[in-house]
Amino acid sequence: MGTAPYFIISPNTILSIIGLLHGSDKTVATPAEDWRKATVDLIIPCYNEEKNIVLCLNSVLQQTLKPKRIILIDDGSRDRTIEYARIF
């Protein structure tokens, strides 16, 4: 009696074939709320990021969905990270 090697008919192969036979998921998405009305609060942790904080904040403000609040968490920076963020 001949048997197929395990590496040809593995459990993953069987599951893949069943998935192909079943077809794609037919569930229709029903979002609970309209994404256009969503609000975003942004928390940015920073530590000695004076070179990057302005670039980060500029990138945030260029996004399609603007944040309602931007909260910077400074972890005891020894440079002028917070100064640069306030000026920005």
PDB file of N, CA and C in Angstrom:
ATOM      1  N   MET A   1       0.852  -1.170   0.000  1.00  0.00           N
ATOM      2  CA  MET A   1       0.000   0.000   0.000  1.00  0.00           C
ATOM      3  C   MET A   1       0.898   1.232   0.000  1.00  0.00           C
ATOM      4  N   GLY A   2       0.651   2.147  -0.903  1.00  0.00           N
ATOM      5  CA  GLY A   2       1.461   3.350  -1.003  1.00  0.00           C
ATOM      6  C   GLY A   2       0.875   4.477  -0.160  1.00  0.00           C
ATOM      7  N   THR A   3       1.736   5.257   0.398  1.00  0.00           N
ATOM      8  CA  THR A   3       1.300   6.413   1.183  1.00  0.00           C
ATOM      9  C   THR A   3       1.969   7.671   0.630  1.00  0.00           C
ATOM     10  N   ALA A   4       1.288   8.771   0.757  1.00  0.00           N
ATOM     11  CA  ALA A   4       1.877  10.048   0.329  1.00  0.00           C
ATOM     12  C   ALA A   4       2.807  10.545   1.417  1.00  0.00           C
ATOM     13  N   PRO A   5       3.934  11.044   1.042  1.00  0.00           N
ATOM     14  CA  PRO A   5       4.846  11.578   2.056  1.00  0.00           C
ATOM     15  C   PRO A   5       4.203  12.728   2.821  1.00  0.00           C
ATOM     16  N   TYR A   6       4.597  12.867   4.058  1.00  0.00           N
ATOM     17  CA  TYR A   6       4.027  13.890   4.949  1.00  0.00           C
ATOM     18  C   TYR A   6       4.280  15.296   4.425  1.00  0.00           C
ATOM     19  N   PHE A   7       5.439  15.522   3.772  1.00  0.00           N
ATOM     20  CA  PHE A   7       5.759  16.880   3.323  1.00  0.00           C
ATOM     21  C   PHE A   7       4.909  17.311   2.131  1.00  0.00           C
ATOM     22  N   ILE A   8       4.191  16.398   1.468  1.00  0.00           N
ATOM     23  CA  ILE A   8       3.311  16.757   0.361  1.00  0.00           C
ATOM     24  C   ILE A   8       1.896  17.048   0.873  1.00  0.00           C
ATOM     25  N   ILE A   9       1.381  16.164   1.735  1.00  0.00           N
ATOM     26  CA  ILE A   9       0.037  16.353   2.282  1.00  0.00           C
ATOM     27  C   ILE A   9       0.174  16.598   3.783  1.00  0.00           C
ATOM     28  N   SER A  10       0.455  17.822   4.112  1.00  0.00           N
ATOM     29  CA  SER A  10       0.595  18.204   5.512  1.00  0.00           C
ATOM     30  C   SER A  10      -0.719  18.815   5.989  1.00  0.00           C
ATOM     31  N   PRO A  11      -0.876  18.995   7.280  1.00  0.00           N
ATOM     32  CA  PRO A  11      -2.090  19.639   7.787  1.00  0.00           C
ATOM     33  C   PRO A  11      -2.302  21.033   7.187  1.00  0.00           C
ATOM     34  N   ASN A  12      -1.235  21.774   6.963  1.00  0.00           N
ATOM     35  CA  ASN A  12      -1.370  23.100   6.357  1.00  0.00           C
ATOM     36  C   ASN A  12      -1.902  23.007   4.925  1.00  0.00           C
ATOM     37  N   THR A  13      -1.455  22.013   4.188  1.00  0.00           N
ATOM     38  CA  THR A  13      -1.934  21.822   2.825  1.00  0.00           C
ATOM     39  C   THR A  13      -3.424  21.507   2.823  1.00  0.00           C
ATOM     40  N   ILE A  14      -3.857  20.645   3.715  1.00  0.00           N
ATOM     41  CA  ILE A  14      -5.273  20.278   3.804  1.00  0.00           C
ATOM     42  C   ILE A  14      -6.120  21.492   4.158  1.00  0.00           C
ATOM     43  N   LEU A  15      -5.679  22.297   5.142  1.00  0.00           N
ATOM     44  CA  LEU A  15      -6.419  23.496   5.513  1.00  0.00           C
ATOM     45  C   LEU A  15      -6.465  24.506   4.364  1.00  0.00           C
ATOM     46  N   SER A  16      -5.384  24.633   3.616  1.00  0.00           N
ATOM     47  CA  SER A  16      -5.359  25.549   2.475  1.00  0.00           C
ATOM     48  C   SER A  16      -6.345  25.111   1.399  1.00  0.00           C
ATOM     49  N   ILE A  17      -6.409  23.816   1.130  1.00  0.00           N
ATOM     50  CA  ILE A  17      -7.347  23.297   0.123  1.00  0.00           C
ATOM     51  C   ILE A  17      -8.791  23.530   0.572  1.00  0.00           C
ATOM     52  N   ILE A  18      -9.079  23.288   1.852  1.00  0.00           N
ATOM     53  CA  ILE A  18     -10.430  23.525   2.379  1.00  0.00           C
ATOM     54  C   ILE A  18     -10.781  25.005   2.242  1.00  0.00           C
ATOM     55  N   GLY A  19      -9.838  25.893   2.531  1.00  0.00           N
ATOM     56  CA  GLY A  19     -10.072  27.329   2.391  1.00  0.00           C
ATOM     57  C   GLY A  19     -10.351  27.730   0.960  1.00  0.00           C
ATOM     58  N   LEU A  20      -9.620  27.147   0.013  1.00  0.00           N
ATOM     59  CA  LEU A  20      -9.856  27.448  -1.397  1.00  0.00           C
ATOM     60  C   LEU A  20     -11.224  26.966  -1.848  1.00  0.00           C
ATOM     61  N   LEU A  21     -11.627  25.795  -1.389  1.00  0.00           N
ATOM     62  CA  LEU A  21     -12.943  25.268  -1.746  1.00  0.00           C
ATOM     63  C   LEU A  21     -14.062  26.089  -1.122  1.00  0.00           C
ATOM     64  N   HIS A  22     -13.848  26.571   0.089  1.00  0.00           N
ATOM     65  CA  HIS A  22     -14.871  27.352   0.800  1.00  0.00           C
ATOM     66  C   HIS A  22     -15.077  28.714   0.157  1.00  0.00           C
ATOM     67  N   GLY A  23     -14.034  29.327  -0.372  1.00  0.00           N
ATOM     68  CA  GLY A  23     -14.138  30.638  -1.009  1.00  0.00           C
ATOM     69  C   GLY A  23     -13.826  31.755  -0.036  1.00  0.00           C
ATOM     70  N   SER A  24     -13.949  32.976  -0.538  1.00  0.00           N
ATOM     71  CA  SER A  24     -13.619  34.129   0.289  1.00  0.00           C
ATOM     72  C   SER A  24     -14.709  34.407   1.315  1.00  0.00           C
ATOM     73  N   ASP A  25     -14.364  35.183   2.306  1.00  0.00           N
ATOM     74  CA  ASP A  25     -15.295  35.539   3.373  1.00  0.00           C
ATOM     75  C   ASP A  25     -16.386  36.444   2.817  1.00  0.00           C
ATOM     76  N   LYS A  26     -17.626  36.119   3.088  1.00  0.00           N
ATOM     77  CA  LYS A  26     -18.749  36.873   2.532  1.00  0.00           C
ATOM     78  C   LYS A  26     -19.372  37.824   3.547  1.00  0.00           C
ATOM     79  N   THR A  27     -18.702  38.039   4.669  1.00  0.00           N
ATOM     80  CA  THR A  27     -19.210  38.925   5.699  1.00  0.00           C
ATOM     81  C   THR A  27     -19.128  40.383   5.229  1.00  0.00           C
ATOM     82  N   VAL A  28     -20.211  41.117   5.394  1.00  0.00           N
ATOM     83  CA  VAL A  28     -20.239  42.524   5.030  1.00  0.00           C
ATOM     84  C   VAL A  28     -19.883  43.338   6.269  1.00  0.00           C
ATOM     85  N   ALA A  29     -18.926  44.227   6.114  1.00  0.00           N
ATOM     86  CA  ALA A  29     -18.489  45.046   7.240  1.00  0.00           C
ATOM     87  C   ALA A  29     -19.570  46.059   7.594  1.00  0.00           C
ATOM     88  N   THR A  30     -19.866  46.153   8.877  1.00  0.00           N
ATOM     89  CA  THR A  30     -20.833  47.141   9.362  1.00  0.00           C
ATOM     90  C   THR A  30     -20.174  47.933  10.487  1.00  0.00           C
ATOM     91  N   PRO A  31     -19.500  49.025  10.143  1.00  0.00           N
ATOM     92  CA  PRO A  31     -18.822  49.794  11.181  1.00  0.00           C
ATOM     93  C   PRO A  31     -19.809  50.406  12.161  1.00  0.00           C
ATOM     94  N   ALA A  32     -19.404  50.472  13.412  1.00  0.00           N
ATOM     95  CA  ALA A  32     -20.267  51.004  14.458  1.00  0.00           C
ATOM     96  C   ALA A  32     -20.439  52.519  14.326  1.00  0.00           C
ATOM     97  N   GLU A  33     -19.421  53.189  13.792  1.00  0.00           N
ATOM     98  CA  GLU A  33     -19.521  54.640  13.627  1.00  0.00           C
ATOM     99  C   GLU A  33     -18.781  55.054  12.364  1.00  0.00           C
ATOM    100  N   ASP A  34     -19.073  56.218  11.918  1.00  0.00           N
ATOM    101  CA  ASP A  34     -18.464  56.737  10.703  1.00  0.00           C
ATOM    102  C   ASP A  34     -17.016  57.144  10.993  1.00  0.00           C
ATOM    103  N   TRP A  35     -16.081  56.636  10.232  1.00  0.00           N
ATOM    104  CA  TRP A  35     -14.662  56.913  10.483  1.00  0.00           C
ATOM    105  C   TRP A  35     -14.317  58.377  10.249  1.00  0.00           C
ATOM    106  N   ARG A  36     -15.115  59.075   9.439  1.00  0.00           N
ATOM    107  CA  ARG A  36     -14.833  60.485   9.176  1.00  0.00           C
ATOM    108  C   ARG A  36     -15.072  61.353  10.399  1.00  0.00           C
ATOM    109  N   LYS A  37     -15.865  60.852  11.354  1.00  0.00           N
ATOM    110  CA  LYS A  37     -16.163  61.611  12.567  1.00  0.00           C
ATOM    111  C   LYS A  37     -15.275  61.192  13.746  1.00  0.00           C
ATOM    112  N   ALA A  38     -14.347  60.300  13.504  1.00  0.00           N
ATOM    113  CA  ALA A  38     -13.481  59.812  14.569  1.00  0.00           C
ATOM    114  C   ALA A  38     -12.542  60.910  15.052  1.00  0.00           C
ATOM    115  N   THR A  39     -12.213  60.873  16.329  1.00  0.00           N
ATOM    116  CA  THR A  39     -11.228  61.800  16.884  1.00  0.00           C
ATOM    117  C   THR A  39     -10.031  61.001  17.375  1.00  0.00           C
ATOM    118  N   VAL A  40      -8.879  61.619  17.286  1.00  0.00           N
ATOM    119  CA  VAL A  40      -7.642  60.946  17.661  1.00  0.00           C
ATOM    120  C   VAL A  40      -6.906  61.807  18.675  1.00  0.00           C
ATOM    121  N   ASP A  41      -6.476  61.187  19.763  1.00  0.00           N
ATOM    122  CA  ASP A  41      -5.555  61.819  20.700  1.00  0.00           C
ATOM    123  C   ASP A  41      -4.209  61.127  20.515  1.00  0.00           C
ATOM    124  N   LEU A  42      -3.150  61.896  20.492  1.00  0.00           N
ATOM    125  CA  LEU A  42      -1.836  61.345  20.209  1.00  0.00           C
ATOM    126  C   LEU A  42      -0.922  61.527  21.415  1.00  0.00           C
ATOM    127  N   ILE A  43      -0.258  60.458  21.810  1.00  0.00           N
ATOM    128  CA  ILE A  43       0.710  60.500  22.909  1.00  0.00           C
ATOM    129  C   ILE A  43       2.077  60.162  22.324  1.00  0.00           C
ATOM    130  N   ILE A  44       3.021  61.070  22.513  1.00  0.00           N
ATOM    131  CA  ILE A  44       4.372  60.870  21.981  1.00  0.00           C
ATOM    132  C   ILE A  44       5.362  60.839  23.138  1.00  0.00           C
ATOM    133  N   PRO A  45       5.947  59.672  23.427  1.00  0.00           N
ATOM    134  CA  PRO A  45       7.005  59.634  24.437  1.00  0.00           C
ATOM    135  C   PRO A  45       8.302  60.146  23.818  1.00  0.00           C
ATOM    136  N   CYS A  46       9.048  60.962  24.569  1.00  0.00           N
ATOM    137  CA  CYS A  46      10.284  61.502  24.025  1.00  0.00           C
ATOM    138  C   CYS A  46      11.339  61.600  25.123  1.00  0.00           C
ATOM    139  N   TYR A  47      12.557  61.294  24.748  1.00  0.00           N
ATOM    140  CA  TYR A  47      13.697  61.405  25.648  1.00  0.00           C
ATOM    141  C   TYR A  47      14.897  61.836  24.809  1.00  0.00           C
ATOM    142  N   ASN A  48      15.380  63.046  25.053  1.00  0.00           N
ATOM    143  CA  ASN A  48      16.506  63.606  24.302  1.00  0.00           C
ATOM    144  C   ASN A  48      16.263  63.531  22.785  1.00  0.00           C
ATOM    145  N   GLU A  49      15.158  64.081  22.351  1.00  0.00           N
ATOM    146  CA  GLU A  49      14.774  64.031  20.937  1.00  0.00           C
ATOM    147  C   GLU A  49      14.728  65.413  20.299  1.00  0.00           C
ATOM    148  N   GLU A  50      15.593  66.324  20.715  1.00  0.00           N
ATOM    149  CA  GLU A  50      15.535  67.674  20.166  1.00  0.00           C
ATOM    150  C   GLU A  50      15.764  67.699  18.658  1.00  0.00           C
ATOM    151  N   LYS A  51      16.498  66.735  18.123  1.00  0.00           N
ATOM    152  CA  LYS A  51      16.744  66.692  16.685  1.00  0.00           C
ATOM    153  C   LYS A  51      15.532  66.184  15.901  1.00  0.00           C
ATOM    154  N   ASN A  52      14.678  65.394  16.555  1.00  0.00           N
ATOM    155  CA  ASN A  52      13.594  64.729  15.839  1.00  0.00           C
ATOM    156  C   ASN A  52      12.191  65.209  16.195  1.00  0.00           C
ATOM    157  N   ILE A  53      12.016  65.919  17.305  1.00  0.00           N
ATOM    158  CA  ILE A  53      10.671  66.239  17.773  1.00  0.00           C
ATOM    159  C   ILE A  53       9.933  67.156  16.799  1.00  0.00           C
ATOM    160  N   VAL A  54      10.616  68.107  16.206  1.00  0.00           N
ATOM    161  CA  VAL A  54       9.968  69.008  15.249  1.00  0.00           C
ATOM    162  C   VAL A  54       9.559  68.228  13.995  1.00  0.00           C
ATOM    163  N   LEU A  55      10.420  67.332  13.535  1.00  0.00           N
ATOM    164  CA  LEU A  55      10.078  66.498  12.377  1.00  0.00           C
ATOM    165  C   LEU A  55       8.866  65.613  12.683  1.00  0.00           C
ATOM    166  N   CYS A  56       8.836  65.053  13.889  1.00  0.00           N
ATOM    167  CA  CYS A  56       7.725  64.195  14.308  1.00  0.00           C
ATOM    168  C   CYS A  56       6.418  64.984  14.337  1.00  0.00           C
ATOM    169  N   LEU A  57       6.428  66.144  14.974  1.00  0.00           N
ATOM    170  CA  LEU A  57       5.213  66.955  15.076  1.00  0.00           C
ATOM    171  C   LEU A  57       4.760  67.452  13.705  1.00  0.00           C
ATOM    172  N   ASN A  58       5.692  67.807  12.841  1.00  0.00           N
ATOM    173  CA  ASN A  58       5.354  68.230  11.485  1.00  0.00           C
ATOM    174  C   ASN A  58       4.696  67.087  10.712  1.00  0.00           C
ATOM    175  N   SER A  59       5.215  65.885  10.873  1.00  0.00           N
ATOM    176  CA  SER A  59       4.638  64.719  10.213  1.00  0.00           C
ATOM    177  C   SER A  59       3.221  64.452  10.705  1.00  0.00           C
ATOM    178  N   VAL A  60       3.009  64.612  12.000  1.00  0.00           N
ATOM    179  CA  VAL A  60       1.677  64.409  12.572  1.00  0.00           C
ATOM    180  C   VAL A  60       0.679  65.391  11.976  1.00  0.00           C
ATOM    181  N   LEU A  61       1.074  66.633  11.839  1.00  0.00           N
ATOM    182  CA  LEU A  61       0.162  67.658  11.335  1.00  0.00           C
ATOM    183  C   LEU A  61      -0.108  67.546   9.838  1.00  0.00           C
ATOM    184  N   GLN A  62       0.690  66.772   9.129  1.00  0.00           N
ATOM    185  CA  GLN A  62       0.463  66.562   7.701  1.00  0.00           C
ATOM    186  C   GLN A  62      -0.488  65.393   7.426  1.00  0.00           C
ATOM    187  N   GLN A  63      -0.889  64.664   8.458  1.00  0.00           N
ATOM    188  CA  GLN A  63      -1.784  63.525   8.270  1.00  0.00           C
ATOM    189  C   GLN A  63      -3.186  63.995   7.891  1.00  0.00           C
ATOM    190  N   THR A  64      -3.931  63.127   7.250  1.00  0.00           N
ATOM    191  CA  THR A  64      -5.294  63.450   6.829  1.00  0.00           C
ATOM    192  C   THR A  64      -6.208  63.677   8.022  1.00  0.00           C
ATOM    193  N   LEU A  65      -6.129  62.801   8.999  1.00  0.00           N
ATOM    194  CA  LEU A  65      -6.955  62.908  10.194  1.00  0.00           C
ATOM    195  C   LEU A  65      -6.138  63.619  11.271  1.00  0.00           C
ATOM    196  N   LYS A  66      -6.498  64.840  11.571  1.00  0.00           N
ATOM    197  CA  LYS A  66      -5.746  65.644  12.544  1.00  0.00           C
ATOM    198  C   LYS A  66      -6.085  65.204  13.968  1.00  0.00           C
ATOM    199  N   PRO A  67      -5.083  65.144  14.851  1.00  0.00           N
ATOM    200  CA  PRO A  67      -5.352  64.771  16.241  1.00  0.00           C
ATOM    201  C   PRO A  67      -6.065  65.892  16.991  1.00  0.00           C
ATOM    202  N   LYS A  68      -6.927  65.497  17.907  1.00  0.00           N
ATOM    203  CA  LYS A  68      -7.622  66.463  18.752  1.00  0.00           C
ATOM    204  C   LYS A  68      -6.644  67.057  19.760  1.00  0.00           C
ATOM    205  N   ARG A  69      -5.837  66.188  20.370  1.00  0.00           N
ATOM    206  CA  ARG A  69      -4.811  66.619  21.331  1.00  0.00           C
ATOM    207  C   ARG A  69      -3.511  65.895  21.037  1.00  0.00           C
ATOM    208  N   ILE A  70      -2.398  66.585  21.263  1.00  0.00           N
ATOM    209  CA  ILE A  70      -1.073  65.974  21.182  1.00  0.00           C
ATOM    210  C   ILE A  70      -0.450  66.086  22.561  1.00  0.00           C
ATOM    211  N   ILE A  71      -0.125  64.949  23.152  1.00  0.00           N
ATOM    212  CA  ILE A  71       0.449  64.914  24.493  1.00  0.00           C
ATOM    213  C   ILE A  71       1.886  64.407  24.388  1.00  0.00           C
ATOM    214  N   LEU A  72       2.834  65.226  24.827  1.00  0.00           N
ATOM    215  CA  LEU A  72       4.240  64.808  24.848  1.00  0.00           C
ATOM    216  C   LEU A  72       4.592  64.347  26.253  1.00  0.00           C
ATOM    217  N   ILE A  73       5.161  63.167  26.349  1.00  0.00           N
ATOM    218  CA  ILE A  73       5.623  62.634  27.624  1.00  0.00           C
ATOM    219  C   ILE A  73       7.146  62.708  27.607  1.00  0.00           C
ATOM    220  N   ASP A  74       7.694  63.647  28.376  1.00  0.00           N
ATOM    221  CA  ASP A  74       9.144  63.821  28.439  1.00  0.00           C
ATOM    222  C   ASP A  74       9.666  63.027  29.625  1.00  0.00           C
ATOM    223  N   ASP A  75      10.630  62.163  29.361  1.00  0.00           N
ATOM    224  CA  ASP A  75      11.163  61.276  30.395  1.00  0.00           C
ATOM    225  C   ASP A  75      12.491  61.814  30.930  1.00  0.00           C
ATOM    226  N   GLY A  76      12.486  63.080  31.347  1.00  0.00           N
ATOM    227  CA  GLY A  76      13.685  63.657  31.945  1.00  0.00           C
ATOM    228  C   GLY A  76      14.770  63.979  30.943  1.00  0.00           C
ATOM    229  N   SER A  77      14.404  64.502  29.808  1.00  0.00           N
ATOM    230  CA  SER A  77      15.401  64.839  28.781  1.00  0.00           C
ATOM    231  C   SER A  77      16.406  65.848  29.311  1.00  0.00           C
ATOM    232  N   ARG A  78      17.645  65.715  28.858  1.00  0.00           N
ATOM    233  CA  ARG A  78      18.704  66.637  29.255  1.00  0.00           C
ATOM    234  C   ARG A  78      19.017  67.626  28.137  1.00  0.00           C
ATOM    235  N   ASP A  79      18.187  67.635  27.119  1.00  0.00           N
ATOM    236  CA  ASP A  79      18.387  68.589  26.035  1.00  0.00           C
ATOM    237  C   ASP A  79      17.161  69.497  25.937  1.00  0.00           C
ATOM    238  N   ARG A  80      16.966  70.149  24.808  1.00  0.00           N
ATOM    239  CA  ARG A  80      15.887  71.136  24.671  1.00  0.00           C
ATOM    240  C   ARG A  80      14.679  70.575  23.910  1.00  0.00           C
ATOM    241  N   THR A  81      14.337  69.339  24.153  1.00  0.00           N
ATOM    242  CA  THR A  81      13.212  68.711  23.461  1.00  0.00           C
ATOM    243  C   THR A  81      11.911  69.465  23.702  1.00  0.00           C
ATOM    244  N   ILE A  82      11.581  69.743  24.939  1.00  0.00           N
ATOM    245  CA  ILE A  82      10.316  70.406  25.263  1.00  0.00           C
ATOM    246  C   ILE A  82      10.307  71.847  24.748  1.00  0.00           C
ATOM    247  N   GLU A  83      11.444  72.524  24.816  1.00  0.00           N
ATOM    248  CA  GLU A  83      11.528  73.887  24.270  1.00  0.00           C
ATOM    249  C   GLU A  83      11.174  73.898  22.788  1.00  0.00           C
ATOM    250  N   TYR A  84      11.782  72.995  22.036  1.00  0.00           N
ATOM    251  CA  TYR A  84      11.529  72.922  20.602  1.00  0.00           C
ATOM    252  C   TYR A  84      10.070  72.572  20.317  1.00  0.00           C
ATOM    253  N   ALA A  85       9.496  71.695  21.112  1.00  0.00           N
ATOM    254  CA  ALA A  85       8.098  71.307  20.912  1.00  0.00           C
ATOM    255  C   ALA A  85       7.171  72.493  21.204  1.00  0.00           C
ATOM    256  N   ARG A  86       7.462  73.238  22.249  1.00  0.00           N
ATOM    257  CA  ARG A  86       6.620  74.413  22.560  1.00  0.00           C
ATOM    258  C   ARG A  86       6.716  75.480  21.491  1.00  0.00           C
ATOM    259  N   ILE A  87       7.913  75.697  20.978  1.00  0.00           N
ATOM    260  CA  ILE A  87       8.099  76.681  19.914  1.00  0.00           C
ATOM    261  C   ILE A  87       7.345  76.243  18.653  1.00  0.00           C
ATOM    262  N   PHE A  88       7.382  74.967  18.372  1.00  0.00           N
ATOM    263  CA  PHE A  88       6.688  74.456  17.188  1.00  0.00           C
ATOM    264  C   PHE A  88       5.192  74.676  17.342  1.00  0.00           C
TER     265      PHE A  88
END
